[in-house]
Amino acid sequence: VCLVIASEGFRCPFIGYLKIGECHVLRK
């Protein structure tokens, strides 16, 4: 399941430090 953590054009809800896993970086 793909979850949106932070969205382009909006403030990030937190500073995130990835401990385990992988995230994709998307641009519009």
PDB file of all heavy atoms in Angstrom:
ATOM      1  N   VAL A   1       0.845  -1.171   0.000  1.00  0.00           N
ATOM      2  CA  VAL A   1       0.000   0.000   0.000  1.00  0.00           C
ATOM      3  C   VAL A   1       0.893   1.237   0.000  1.00  0.00           C
ATOM      4  O   VAL A   1       1.794   1.353   0.820  1.00  0.00           O
ATOM      5  CB  VAL A   1      -0.952   0.015   1.222  1.00  0.00           C
ATOM      6  CG1 VAL A   1      -1.712   1.311   1.297  1.00  0.00           C
ATOM      7  CG2 VAL A   1      -1.881  -1.171   1.184  1.00  0.00           C
ATOM      8  N   CYS A   2       0.627   2.139  -0.891  1.00  0.00           N
ATOM      9  CA  CYS A   2       1.383   3.378  -1.025  1.00  0.00           C
ATOM     10  C   CYS A   2       0.696   4.470  -0.215  1.00  0.00           C
ATOM     11  O   CYS A   2      -0.486   4.727  -0.380  1.00  0.00           O
ATOM     12  CB  CYS A   2       1.417   3.741  -2.502  1.00  0.00           C
ATOM     13  SG  CYS A   2       2.333   5.200  -2.871  1.00  0.00           S
ATOM     14  N   LEU A   3       1.439   5.092   0.709  1.00  0.00           N
ATOM     15  CA  LEU A   3       0.893   6.158   1.543  1.00  0.00           C
ATOM     16  C   LEU A   3       1.598   7.476   1.244  1.00  0.00           C
ATOM     17  O   LEU A   3       2.825   7.512   1.128  1.00  0.00           O
ATOM     18  CB  LEU A   3       1.069   5.833   3.023  1.00  0.00           C
ATOM     19  CG  LEU A   3       0.381   4.575   3.533  1.00  0.00           C
ATOM     20  CD1 LEU A   3       0.800   4.293   4.960  1.00  0.00           C
ATOM     21  CD2 LEU A   3      -1.115   4.712   3.431  1.00  0.00           C
ATOM     22  N   VAL A   4       0.821   8.543   1.116  1.00  0.00           N
ATOM     23  CA  VAL A   4       1.400   9.870   0.925  1.00  0.00           C
ATOM     24  C   VAL A   4       1.838  10.396   2.293  1.00  0.00           C
ATOM     25  O   VAL A   4       1.027  10.498   3.213  1.00  0.00           O
ATOM     26  CB  VAL A   4       0.385  10.837   0.275  1.00  0.00           C
ATOM     27  CG1 VAL A   4       0.983  12.238   0.155  1.00  0.00           C
ATOM     28  CG2 VAL A   4      -0.060  10.321  -1.085  1.00  0.00           C
ATOM     29  N   ILE A   5       3.103  10.725   2.409  1.00  0.00           N
ATOM     30  CA  ILE A   5       3.641  11.236   3.664  1.00  0.00           C
ATOM     31  C   ILE A   5       3.650  12.763   3.660  1.00  0.00           C
ATOM     32  O   ILE A   5       3.340  13.395   4.660  1.00  0.00           O
ATOM     33  CB  ILE A   5       5.061  10.688   3.918  1.00  0.00           C
ATOM     34  CG1 ILE A   5       5.011   9.173   4.063  1.00  0.00           C
ATOM     35  CG2 ILE A   5       5.675  11.320   5.149  1.00  0.00           C
ATOM     36  CD1 ILE A   5       6.364   8.527   4.185  1.00  0.00           C
ATOM     37  N   ALA A   6       4.040  13.346   2.540  1.00  0.00           N
ATOM     38  CA  ALA A   6       4.102  14.808   2.400  1.00  0.00           C
ATOM     39  C   ALA A   6       3.733  15.150   0.957  1.00  0.00           C
ATOM     40  O   ALA A   6       4.070  14.408   0.039  1.00  0.00           O
ATOM     41  CB  ALA A   6       5.490  15.321   2.729  1.00  0.00           C
ATOM     42  N   SER A   7       3.056  16.271   0.763  1.00  0.00           N
ATOM     43  CA  SER A   7       2.570  16.647  -0.566  1.00  0.00           C
ATOM     44  C   SER A   7       3.212  17.924  -1.075  1.00  0.00           C
ATOM     45  O   SER A   7       3.307  18.919  -0.345  1.00  0.00           O
ATOM     46  CB  SER A   7       1.054  16.850  -0.540  1.00  0.00           C
ATOM     47  OG  SER A   7       0.402  15.640  -0.253  1.00  0.00           O
ATOM     48  N   GLU A   8       3.600  17.877  -2.343  1.00  0.00           N
ATOM     49  CA  GLU A   8       4.144  19.049  -3.023  1.00  0.00           C
ATOM     50  C   GLU A   8       3.135  20.193  -2.952  1.00  0.00           C
ATOM     51  O   GLU A   8       1.945  20.003  -3.147  1.00  0.00           O
ATOM     52  CB  GLU A   8       4.423  18.687  -4.483  1.00  0.00           C
ATOM     53  CG  GLU A   8       5.015  19.787  -5.324  1.00  0.00           C
ATOM     54  CD  GLU A   8       5.357  19.338  -6.735  1.00  0.00           C
ATOM     55  OE1 GLU A   8       5.304  18.122  -7.036  1.00  0.00           O
ATOM     56  OE2 GLU A   8       5.681  20.213  -7.544  1.00  0.00           O
ATOM     57  N   GLY A   9       3.620  21.377  -2.648  1.00  0.00           N
ATOM     58  CA  GLY A   9       2.752  22.545  -2.568  1.00  0.00           C
ATOM     59  C   GLY A   9       2.184  22.807  -1.183  1.00  0.00           C
ATOM     60  O   GLY A   9       1.508  23.809  -0.968  1.00  0.00           O
ATOM     61  N   PHE A  10       2.454  21.911  -0.229  1.00  0.00           N
ATOM     62  CA  PHE A  10       1.971  22.062   1.150  1.00  0.00           C
ATOM     63  C   PHE A  10       3.157  21.951   2.105  1.00  0.00           C
ATOM     64  O   PHE A  10       4.150  21.310   1.790  1.00  0.00           O
ATOM     65  CB  PHE A  10       0.937  20.984   1.493  1.00  0.00           C
ATOM     66  CG  PHE A  10      -0.313  21.070   0.674  1.00  0.00           C
ATOM     67  CD1 PHE A  10      -0.420  20.359  -0.515  1.00  0.00           C
ATOM     68  CD2 PHE A  10      -1.369  21.866   1.085  1.00  0.00           C
ATOM     69  CE1 PHE A  10      -1.568  20.440  -1.287  1.00  0.00           C
ATOM     70  CE2 PHE A  10      -2.521  21.959   0.315  1.00  0.00           C
ATOM     71  CZ  PHE A  10      -2.615  21.250  -0.873  1.00  0.00           C
ATOM     72  N   ARG A  11       3.005  22.514   3.292  1.00  0.00           N
ATOM     73  CA  ARG A  11       4.052  22.359   4.300  1.00  0.00           C
ATOM     74  C   ARG A  11       4.117  20.909   4.746  1.00  0.00           C
ATOM     75  O   ARG A  11       3.091  20.252   4.900  1.00  0.00           O
ATOM     76  CB  ARG A  11       3.770  23.234   5.513  1.00  0.00           C
ATOM     77  CG  ARG A  11       4.060  24.683   5.277  1.00  0.00           C
ATOM     78  CD  ARG A  11       3.972  25.436   6.573  1.00  0.00           C
ATOM     79  NE  ARG A  11       3.908  26.857   6.282  1.00  0.00           N
ATOM     80  CZ  ARG A  11       3.431  27.747   7.110  1.00  0.00           C
ATOM     81  NH1 ARG A  11       2.973  27.387   8.291  1.00  0.00           N
ATOM     82  NH2 ARG A  11       3.424  29.014   6.789  1.00  0.00           N
ATOM     83  N   CYS A  12       5.327  20.452   4.974  1.00  0.00           N
ATOM     84  CA  CYS A  12       5.510  19.096   5.484  1.00  0.00           C
ATOM     85  C   CYS A  12       4.988  19.060   6.923  1.00  0.00           C
ATOM     86  O   CYS A  12       5.245  19.982   7.699  1.00  0.00           O
ATOM     87  CB  CYS A  12       6.985  18.721   5.438  1.00  0.00           C
ATOM     88  SG  CYS A  12       7.282  16.958   5.651  1.00  0.00           S
ATOM     89  N   PRO A  13       4.258  18.014   7.303  1.00  0.00           N
ATOM     90  CA  PRO A  13       3.694  17.957   8.653  1.00  0.00           C
ATOM     91  C   PRO A  13       4.724  17.680   9.742  1.00  0.00           C
ATOM     92  O   PRO A  13       4.437  17.834  10.927  1.00  0.00           O
ATOM     93  CB  PRO A  13       2.681  16.818   8.567  1.00  0.00           C
ATOM     94  CG  PRO A  13       3.151  15.965   7.442  1.00  0.00           C
ATOM     95  CD  PRO A  13       3.845  16.885   6.475  1.00  0.00           C
ATOM     96  N   PHE A  14       5.945  17.305   9.353  1.00  0.00           N
ATOM     97  CA  PHE A  14       7.013  16.988  10.312  1.00  0.00           C
ATOM     98  C   PHE A  14       8.314  16.825   9.552  1.00  0.00           C
ATOM     99  O   PHE A  14       8.322  16.717   8.327  1.00  0.00           O
ATOM    100  CB  PHE A  14       6.698  15.708  11.090  1.00  0.00           C
ATOM    101  CG  PHE A  14       6.275  14.566  10.216  1.00  0.00           C
ATOM    102  CD1 PHE A  14       7.189  13.849   9.462  1.00  0.00           C
ATOM    103  CD2 PHE A  14       4.934  14.203  10.134  1.00  0.00           C
ATOM    104  CE1 PHE A  14       6.792  12.799   8.644  1.00  0.00           C
ATOM    105  CE2 PHE A  14       4.528  13.153   9.318  1.00  0.00           C
ATOM    106  CZ  PHE A  14       5.457  12.451   8.574  1.00  0.00           C
ATOM    107  N   ILE A  15       9.406  16.791  10.287  1.00  0.00           N
ATOM    108  CA  ILE A  15      10.679  16.378   9.705  1.00  0.00           C
ATOM    109  C   ILE A  15      10.736  14.866   9.873  1.00  0.00           C
ATOM    110  O   ILE A  15      10.520  14.355  10.972  1.00  0.00           O
ATOM    111  CB  ILE A  15      11.873  17.059  10.407  1.00  0.00           C
ATOM    112  CG1 ILE A  15      11.824  18.567  10.172  1.00  0.00           C
ATOM    113  CG2 ILE A  15      13.190  16.473   9.909  1.00  0.00           C
ATOM    114  CD1 ILE A  15      12.895  19.343  10.920  1.00  0.00           C
ATOM    115  N   GLY A  16      10.990  14.164   8.799  1.00  0.00           N
ATOM    116  CA  GLY A  16      10.998  12.701   8.841  1.00  0.00           C
ATOM    117  C   GLY A  16      12.387  12.126   8.637  1.00  0.00           C
ATOM    118  O   GLY A  16      13.137  12.594   7.774  1.00  0.00           O
ATOM    119  N   TYR A  17      12.711  11.150   9.460  1.00  0.00           N
ATOM    120  CA  TYR A  17      13.966  10.416   9.347  1.00  0.00           C
ATOM    121  C   TYR A  17      13.608   8.969   9.043  1.00  0.00           C
ATOM    122  O   TYR A  17      12.989   8.294   9.874  1.00  0.00           O
ATOM    123  CB  TYR A  17      14.785  10.514  10.635  1.00  0.00           C
ATOM    124  CG  TYR A  17      15.231  11.928  10.924  1.00  0.00           C
ATOM    125  CD1 TYR A  17      14.443  12.786  11.689  1.00  0.00           C
ATOM    126  CD2 TYR A  17      16.415  12.409  10.396  1.00  0.00           C
ATOM    127  CE1 TYR A  17      14.842  14.090  11.934  1.00  0.00           C
ATOM    128  CE2 TYR A  17      16.829  13.720  10.644  1.00  0.00           C
ATOM    129  CZ  TYR A  17      16.028  14.547  11.409  1.00  0.00           C
ATOM    130  OH  TYR A  17      16.421  15.840  11.645  1.00  0.00           O
ATOM    131  N   LEU A  18      13.975   8.504   7.871  1.00  0.00           N
ATOM    132  CA  LEU A  18      13.631   7.155   7.440  1.00  0.00           C
ATOM    133  C   LEU A  18      14.565   6.149   8.121  1.00  0.00           C
ATOM    134  O   LEU A  18      15.774   6.195   7.932  1.00  0.00           O
ATOM    135  CB  LEU A  18      13.756   7.072   5.925  1.00  0.00           C
ATOM    136  CG  LEU A  18      13.038   5.986   5.184  1.00  0.00           C
ATOM    137  CD1 LEU A  18      11.552   5.955   5.536  1.00  0.00           C
ATOM    138  CD2 LEU A  18      13.193   6.172   3.693  1.00  0.00           C
ATOM    139  N   LYS A  19      13.967   5.285   8.954  1.00  0.00           N
ATOM    140  CA  LYS A  19      14.762   4.265   9.655  1.00  0.00           C
ATOM    141  C   LYS A  19      14.787   2.968   8.853  1.00  0.00           C
ATOM    142  O   LYS A  19      15.825   2.327   8.728  1.00  0.00           O
ATOM    143  CB  LYS A  19      14.177   4.006  11.052  1.00  0.00           C
ATOM    144  CG  LYS A  19      14.976   2.984  11.827  1.00  0.00           C
ATOM    145  CD  LYS A  19      14.478   2.796  13.223  1.00  0.00           C
ATOM    146  CE  LYS A  19      15.323   1.729  13.900  1.00  0.00           C
ATOM    147  NZ  LYS A  19      15.031   1.576  15.286  1.00  0.00           N
ATOM    148  N   ILE A  20      13.627   2.593   8.334  1.00  0.00           N
ATOM    149  CA  ILE A  20      13.498   1.369   7.537  1.00  0.00           C
ATOM    150  C   ILE A  20      12.590   1.687   6.362  1.00  0.00           C
ATOM    151  O   ILE A  20      11.581   2.371   6.516  1.00  0.00           O
ATOM    152  CB  ILE A  20      12.879   0.219   8.370  1.00  0.00           C
ATOM    153  CG1 ILE A  20      13.818  -0.182   9.500  1.00  0.00           C
ATOM    154  CG2 ILE A  20      12.543  -0.981   7.492  1.00  0.00           C
ATOM    155  CD1 ILE A  20      13.221  -1.200  10.465  1.00  0.00           C
ATOM    156  N   GLY A  21      12.945   1.163   5.183  1.00  0.00           N
ATOM    157  CA  GLY A  21      12.063   1.278   4.039  1.00  0.00           C
ATOM    158  C   GLY A  21      12.564   2.222   2.969  1.00  0.00           C
ATOM    159  O   GLY A  21      13.696   2.711   3.001  1.00  0.00           O
ATOM    160  N   GLU A  22      11.656   2.465   2.013  1.00  0.00           N
ATOM    161  CA  GLU A  22      11.984   3.277   0.849  1.00  0.00           C
ATOM    162  C   GLU A  22      10.774   4.106   0.458  1.00  0.00           C
ATOM    163  O   GLU A  22       9.640   3.631   0.533  1.00  0.00           O
ATOM    164  CB  GLU A  22      12.382   2.345  -0.302  1.00  0.00           C
ATOM    165  CG  GLU A  22      12.726   3.031  -1.581  1.00  0.00           C
ATOM    166  CD  GLU A  22      13.169   2.040  -2.648  1.00  0.00           C
ATOM    167  OE1 GLU A  22      14.256   1.434  -2.488  1.00  0.00           O
ATOM    168  OE2 GLU A  22      12.411   1.860  -3.615  1.00  0.00           O
ATOM    169  N   CYS A  23      11.023   5.333   0.058  1.00  0.00           N
ATOM    170  CA  CYS A  23       9.958   6.222  -0.403  1.00  0.00           C
ATOM    171  C   CYS A  23      10.296   6.747  -1.790  1.00  0.00           C
ATOM    172  O   CYS A  23      11.464   6.943  -2.122  1.00  0.00           O
ATOM    173  CB  CYS A  23       9.800   7.418   0.542  1.00  0.00           C
ATOM    174  SG  CYS A  23       9.254   6.975   2.195  1.00  0.00           S
ATOM    175  N   HIS A  24       9.275   6.971  -2.594  1.00  0.00           N
ATOM    176  CA  HIS A  24       9.456   7.607  -3.890  1.00  0.00           C
ATOM    177  C   HIS A  24       9.286   9.109  -3.736  1.00  0.00           C
ATOM    178  O   HIS A  24       8.461   9.574  -2.944  1.00  0.00           O
ATOM    179  CB  HIS A  24       8.441   7.081  -4.906  1.00  0.00           C
ATOM    180  CG  HIS A  24       8.765   5.714  -5.398  1.00  0.00           C
ATOM    181  ND1 HIS A  24       7.850   4.925  -6.032  1.00  0.00           N
ATOM    182  CD2 HIS A  24       9.906   4.991  -5.367  1.00  0.00           C
ATOM    183  CE1 HIS A  24       8.404   3.775  -6.370  1.00  0.00           C
ATOM    184  NE2 HIS A  24       9.654   3.795  -5.969  1.00  0.00           N
ATOM    185  N   VAL A  25      10.050   9.832  -4.523  1.00  0.00           N
ATOM    186  CA  VAL A  25       9.961  11.285  -4.563  1.00  0.00           C
ATOM    187  C   VAL A  25       9.284  11.651  -5.882  1.00  0.00           C
ATOM    188  O   VAL A  25       9.781  11.307  -6.955  1.00  0.00           O
ATOM    189  CB  VAL A  25      11.360  11.936  -4.481  1.00  0.00           C
ATOM    190  CG1 VAL A  25      11.252  13.448  -4.570  1.00  0.00           C
ATOM    191  CG2 VAL A  25      12.064  11.503  -3.204  1.00  0.00           C
ATOM    192  N   LEU A  26       8.125  12.309  -5.781  1.00  0.00           N
ATOM    193  CA  LEU A  26       7.349  12.674  -6.954  1.00  0.00           C
ATOM    194  C   LEU A  26       7.391  14.176  -7.169  1.00  0.00           C
ATOM    195  O   LEU A  26       7.408  14.947  -6.204  1.00  0.00           O
ATOM    196  CB  LEU A  26       5.885  12.243  -6.792  1.00  0.00           C
ATOM    197  CG  LEU A  26       5.621  10.799  -6.372  1.00  0.00           C
ATOM    198  CD1 LEU A  26       4.140  10.576  -6.146  1.00  0.00           C
ATOM    199  CD2 LEU A  26       6.135   9.837  -7.421  1.00  0.00           C
ATOM    200  N   ARG A  27       7.373  14.580  -8.427  1.00  0.00           N
ATOM    201  CA  ARG A  27       7.259  16.000  -8.771  1.00  0.00           C
ATOM    202  C   ARG A  27       6.131  16.146  -9.776  1.00  0.00           C
ATOM    203  O   ARG A  27       5.893  15.262 -10.601  1.00  0.00           O
ATOM    204  CB  ARG A  27       8.558  16.523  -9.402  1.00  0.00           C
ATOM    205  CG  ARG A  27       9.758  16.569  -8.466  1.00  0.00           C
ATOM    206  CD  ARG A  27       9.711  17.678  -7.445  1.00  0.00           C
ATOM    207  NE  ARG A  27       9.522  18.988  -8.009  1.00  0.00           N
ATOM    208  CZ  ARG A  27      10.503  19.823  -8.329  1.00  0.00           C
ATOM    209  NH1 ARG A  27      11.756  19.486  -8.132  1.00  0.00           N
ATOM    210  NH2 ARG A  27      10.223  21.003  -8.836  1.00  0.00           N
ATOM    211  N   LYS A  28       5.429  17.272  -9.704  1.00  0.00           N
ATOM    212  CA  LYS A  28       4.320  17.532 -10.622  1.00  0.00           C
ATOM    213  C   LYS A  28       4.846  18.142 -11.917  1.00  0.00           C
ATOM    214  O   LYS A  28       5.808  18.900 -11.912  1.00  0.00           O
ATOM    215  CB  LYS A  28       3.319  18.504  -9.998  1.00  0.00           C
ATOM    216  CG  LYS A  28       2.530  17.908  -8.864  1.00  0.00           C
ATOM    217  CD  LYS A  28       1.567  18.919  -8.293  1.00  0.00           C
ATOM    218  CE  LYS A  28       0.858  18.338  -7.084  1.00  0.00           C
ATOM    219  NZ  LYS A  28       0.052  19.343  -6.389  1.00  0.00           N
TER     220      LYS A  28
END
